[in-house]
Amino acid sequence: APPLKDDPKYAKYLKMIKSGVPKPAVAHKMKGDGLDPAALDADPNVPFGSAASAAVAPKAPKKAKKRRKRLHWQAVDQSQLGGDSIWLSQDSEVQNLDLKLDDFEMLFVQSNATQ
């Protein structure tokens, strides 16, 4: 492997340092390009690591968080509940309900437009 100063993969970044670009900015660019920014601190007259150690694994994109709607309610007296209320049902009836996750998300998760 060629010395770091002669390595074409790192030539661009070493030139950036020489021209006065701040080291953290160059390191950030190197990470984005999949290279190890530790090369900036290495001796430029010796080869920098092996090809396997020089590559930095790209980060996986973050999973979008689903923001839930804020819910507030007051307890209702049982005498006010109608005969067809789920709250008056027996436990076995409630367990056999066909619940769909998409329906719950539609009701209880904020869409991006309403955030």
C-alpha atoms as a PDB file:
ATOM      1  CA  ALA A   1       0.000   0.000   0.000  1.00  0.00           C
ATOM      2  CA  PRO A   2       1.263   3.497  -0.777  1.00  0.00           C
ATOM      3  CA  PRO A   3       2.059   6.002   1.971  1.00  0.00           C
ATOM      4  CA  LEU A   4      -0.953   7.971   3.172  1.00  0.00           C
ATOM      5  CA  LYS A   5       0.182  11.162   1.441  1.00  0.00           C
ATOM      6  CA  ASP A   6       0.311   9.295  -1.918  1.00  0.00           C
ATOM      7  CA  ASP A   7      -2.895   7.277  -1.453  1.00  0.00           C
ATOM      8  CA  PRO A   8      -5.484   8.516  -4.005  1.00  0.00           C
ATOM      9  CA  LYS A   9      -8.360   7.717  -1.599  1.00  0.00           C
ATOM     10  CA  TYR A  10      -7.049  10.224   0.958  1.00  0.00           C
ATOM     11  CA  ALA A  11      -5.421  12.815  -1.352  1.00  0.00           C
ATOM     12  CA  LYS A  12      -8.607  14.896  -1.561  1.00  0.00           C
ATOM     13  CA  TYR A  13      -8.930  15.128   2.227  1.00  0.00           C
ATOM     14  CA  LEU A  14      -5.257  15.929   2.835  1.00  0.00           C
ATOM     15  CA  LYS A  15      -5.545  18.697   0.241  1.00  0.00           C
ATOM     16  CA  MET A  16      -8.584  20.063   2.109  1.00  0.00           C
ATOM     17  CA  ILE A  17      -6.535  20.195   5.331  1.00  0.00           C
ATOM     18  CA  LYS A  18      -3.656  21.947   3.538  1.00  0.00           C
ATOM     19  CA  SER A  19      -6.021  24.563   2.098  1.00  0.00           C
ATOM     20  CA  GLY A  20      -7.318  25.465   5.564  1.00  0.00           C
ATOM     21  CA  VAL A  21     -10.587  23.528   5.879  1.00  0.00           C
ATOM     22  CA  PRO A  22     -11.191  22.766   9.588  1.00  0.00           C
ATOM     23  CA  LYS A  23     -10.231  19.229  10.585  1.00  0.00           C
ATOM     24  CA  PRO A  24     -13.698  18.345  12.019  1.00  0.00           C
ATOM     25  CA  ALA A  25     -15.311  19.323   8.702  1.00  0.00           C
ATOM     26  CA  VAL A  26     -12.890  17.119   6.773  1.00  0.00           C
ATOM     27  CA  ALA A  27     -13.475  14.259   9.233  1.00  0.00           C
ATOM     28  CA  HIS A  28     -17.243  14.602   8.752  1.00  0.00           C
ATOM     29  CA  LYS A  29     -16.820  14.480   4.972  1.00  0.00           C
ATOM     30  CA  MET A  30     -14.628  11.385   5.282  1.00  0.00           C
ATOM     31  CA  LYS A  31     -17.242   9.613   7.398  1.00  0.00           C
ATOM     32  CA  GLY A  32     -19.883  10.471   4.824  1.00  0.00           C
ATOM     33  CA  ASP A  33     -17.683   9.001   2.087  1.00  0.00           C
ATOM     34  CA  GLY A  34     -17.133   5.797   4.092  1.00  0.00           C
ATOM     35  CA  LEU A  35     -13.506   6.420   5.103  1.00  0.00           C
ATOM     36  CA  ASP A  36     -11.931   6.383   8.559  1.00  0.00           C
ATOM     37  CA  PRO A  37     -11.233   9.961   9.762  1.00  0.00           C
ATOM     38  CA  ALA A  38      -8.466   8.616  12.016  1.00  0.00           C
ATOM     39  CA  ALA A  39      -6.290   8.811   8.889  1.00  0.00           C
ATOM     40  CA  LEU A  40      -6.066  12.575   9.451  1.00  0.00           C
ATOM     41  CA  ASP A  41      -4.067  11.937  12.637  1.00  0.00           C
ATOM     42  CA  ALA A  42      -1.886   9.195  11.120  1.00  0.00           C
ATOM     43  CA  ASP A  43       1.678   9.644   9.861  1.00  0.00           C
ATOM     44  CA  PRO A  44       1.410  10.623   6.163  1.00  0.00           C
ATOM     45  CA  ASN A  45       4.699   8.854   5.337  1.00  0.00           C
ATOM     46  CA  VAL A  46       3.402   5.356   6.184  1.00  0.00           C
ATOM     47  CA  PRO A  47       0.450   3.428   4.719  1.00  0.00           C
ATOM     48  CA  PHE A  48      -2.765   3.841   6.669  1.00  0.00           C
ATOM     49  CA  GLY A  49      -4.129   0.489   7.908  1.00  0.00           C
ATOM     50  CA  SER A  50      -5.509  -2.136   5.620  1.00  0.00           C
ATOM     51  CA  ALA A  51      -8.385  -1.712   3.212  1.00  0.00           C
ATOM     52  CA  ALA A  52     -10.647  -3.570   5.639  1.00  0.00           C
ATOM     53  CA  SER A  53      -9.848  -1.296   8.588  1.00  0.00           C
ATOM     54  CA  ALA A  54     -10.004   1.901   6.518  1.00  0.00           C
ATOM     55  CA  ALA A  55     -13.631   1.481   5.554  1.00  0.00           C
ATOM     56  CA  VAL A  56     -16.278   2.701   7.976  1.00  0.00           C
ATOM     57  CA  ALA A  57     -19.636   0.994   7.931  1.00  0.00           C
ATOM     58  CA  PRO A  58     -22.349   3.440   6.843  1.00  0.00           C
ATOM     59  CA  LYS A  59     -24.955   4.150   9.485  1.00  0.00           C
ATOM     60  CA  ALA A  60     -28.426   2.763   9.012  1.00  0.00           C
ATOM     61  CA  PRO A  61     -31.065   5.458   8.617  1.00  0.00           C
ATOM     62  CA  LYS A  62     -33.041   6.168  11.760  1.00  0.00           C
ATOM     63  CA  LYS A  63     -36.507   4.759  11.917  1.00  0.00           C
ATOM     64  CA  ALA A  64     -39.173   7.452  11.897  1.00  0.00           C
ATOM     65  CA  LYS A  65     -40.881   7.802  15.260  1.00  0.00           C
ATOM     66  CA  LYS A  66     -44.637   7.745  15.340  1.00  0.00           C
ATOM     67  CA  ARG A  67     -45.964  10.492  17.533  1.00  0.00           C
ATOM     68  CA  ARG A  68     -49.098   9.468  19.362  1.00  0.00           C
ATOM     69  CA  LYS A  69     -52.015  11.817  19.803  1.00  0.00           C
ATOM     70  CA  ARG A  70     -52.570  13.183  23.262  1.00  0.00           C
ATOM     71  CA  LEU A  71     -55.747  11.815  24.771  1.00  0.00           C
ATOM     72  CA  HIS A  72     -57.649  13.178  27.729  1.00  0.00           C
ATOM     73  CA  TRP A  73     -60.888  11.812  29.051  1.00  0.00           C
ATOM     74  CA  GLN A  74     -63.027  11.806  32.109  1.00  0.00           C
ATOM     75  CA  ALA A  75     -64.523   8.715  33.697  1.00  0.00           C
ATOM     76  CA  VAL A  76     -68.134   8.097  32.738  1.00  0.00           C
ATOM     77  CA  ASP A  77     -70.639   6.808  35.264  1.00  0.00           C
ATOM     78  CA  GLN A  78     -71.792   3.281  34.351  1.00  0.00           C
ATOM     79  CA  SER A  79     -75.410   4.394  34.534  1.00  0.00           C
ATOM     80  CA  GLN A  80     -74.738   6.644  31.506  1.00  0.00           C
ATOM     81  CA  LEU A  81     -73.423   3.782  29.348  1.00  0.00           C
ATOM     82  CA  GLY A  82     -75.744   2.362  26.703  1.00  0.00           C
ATOM     83  CA  GLY A  83     -76.548  -1.329  26.499  1.00  0.00           C
ATOM     84  CA  ASP A  84     -74.274  -1.802  23.488  1.00  0.00           C
ATOM     85  CA  SER A  85     -71.149  -0.322  25.132  1.00  0.00           C
ATOM     86  CA  ILE A  86     -67.949  -2.357  24.961  1.00  0.00           C
ATOM     87  CA  TRP A  87     -67.314  -1.448  28.591  1.00  0.00           C
ATOM     88  CA  LEU A  88     -70.378  -3.426  29.678  1.00  0.00           C
ATOM     89  CA  SER A  89     -69.328  -6.516  27.660  1.00  0.00           C
ATOM     90  CA  GLN A  90     -67.984  -9.662  29.231  1.00  0.00           C
ATOM     91  CA  ASP A  91     -64.211 -10.233  29.080  1.00  0.00           C
ATOM     92  CA  SER A  92     -64.566 -13.158  26.648  1.00  0.00           C
ATOM     93  CA  GLU A  93     -66.436 -10.931  24.185  1.00  0.00           C
ATOM     94  CA  VAL A  94     -63.712  -8.270  24.351  1.00  0.00           C
ATOM     95  CA  GLN A  95     -60.944 -10.812  23.786  1.00  0.00           C
ATOM     96  CA  ASN A  96     -62.604 -12.062  20.586  1.00  0.00           C
ATOM     97  CA  LEU A  97     -62.768  -8.631  18.946  1.00  0.00           C
ATOM     98  CA  ASP A  98     -61.150  -8.365  15.524  1.00  0.00           C
ATOM     99  CA  LEU A  99     -58.685  -5.504  16.100  1.00  0.00           C
ATOM    100  CA  LYS A 100     -56.672  -4.070  13.244  1.00  0.00           C
ATOM    101  CA  LEU A 101     -53.424  -2.202  13.951  1.00  0.00           C
ATOM    102  CA  ASP A 102     -53.981   0.148  11.003  1.00  0.00           C
ATOM    103  CA  ASP A 103     -57.264   1.303  12.527  1.00  0.00           C
ATOM    104  CA  PHE A 104     -55.585   2.057  15.863  1.00  0.00           C
ATOM    105  CA  GLU A 105     -52.770   3.958  14.172  1.00  0.00           C
ATOM    106  CA  MET A 106     -55.306   6.015  12.230  1.00  0.00           C
ATOM    107  CA  LEU A 107     -57.059   6.932  15.484  1.00  0.00           C
ATOM    108  CA  PHE A 108     -54.139   7.327  17.872  1.00  0.00           C
ATOM    109  CA  VAL A 109     -51.030   8.281  15.849  1.00  0.00           C
ATOM    110  CA  GLN A 110     -50.531  11.793  14.530  1.00  0.00           C
ATOM    111  CA  SER A 111     -49.912  12.123  10.829  1.00  0.00           C
ATOM    112  CA  ASN A 112     -46.946  14.210   9.647  1.00  0.00           C
ATOM    113  CA  ALA A 113     -49.315  16.926   8.430  1.00  0.00           C
ATOM    114  CA  THR A 114     -50.756  17.563  11.927  1.00  0.00           C
ATOM    115  CA  GLN A 115     -47.483  17.689  13.891  1.00  0.00           C
END
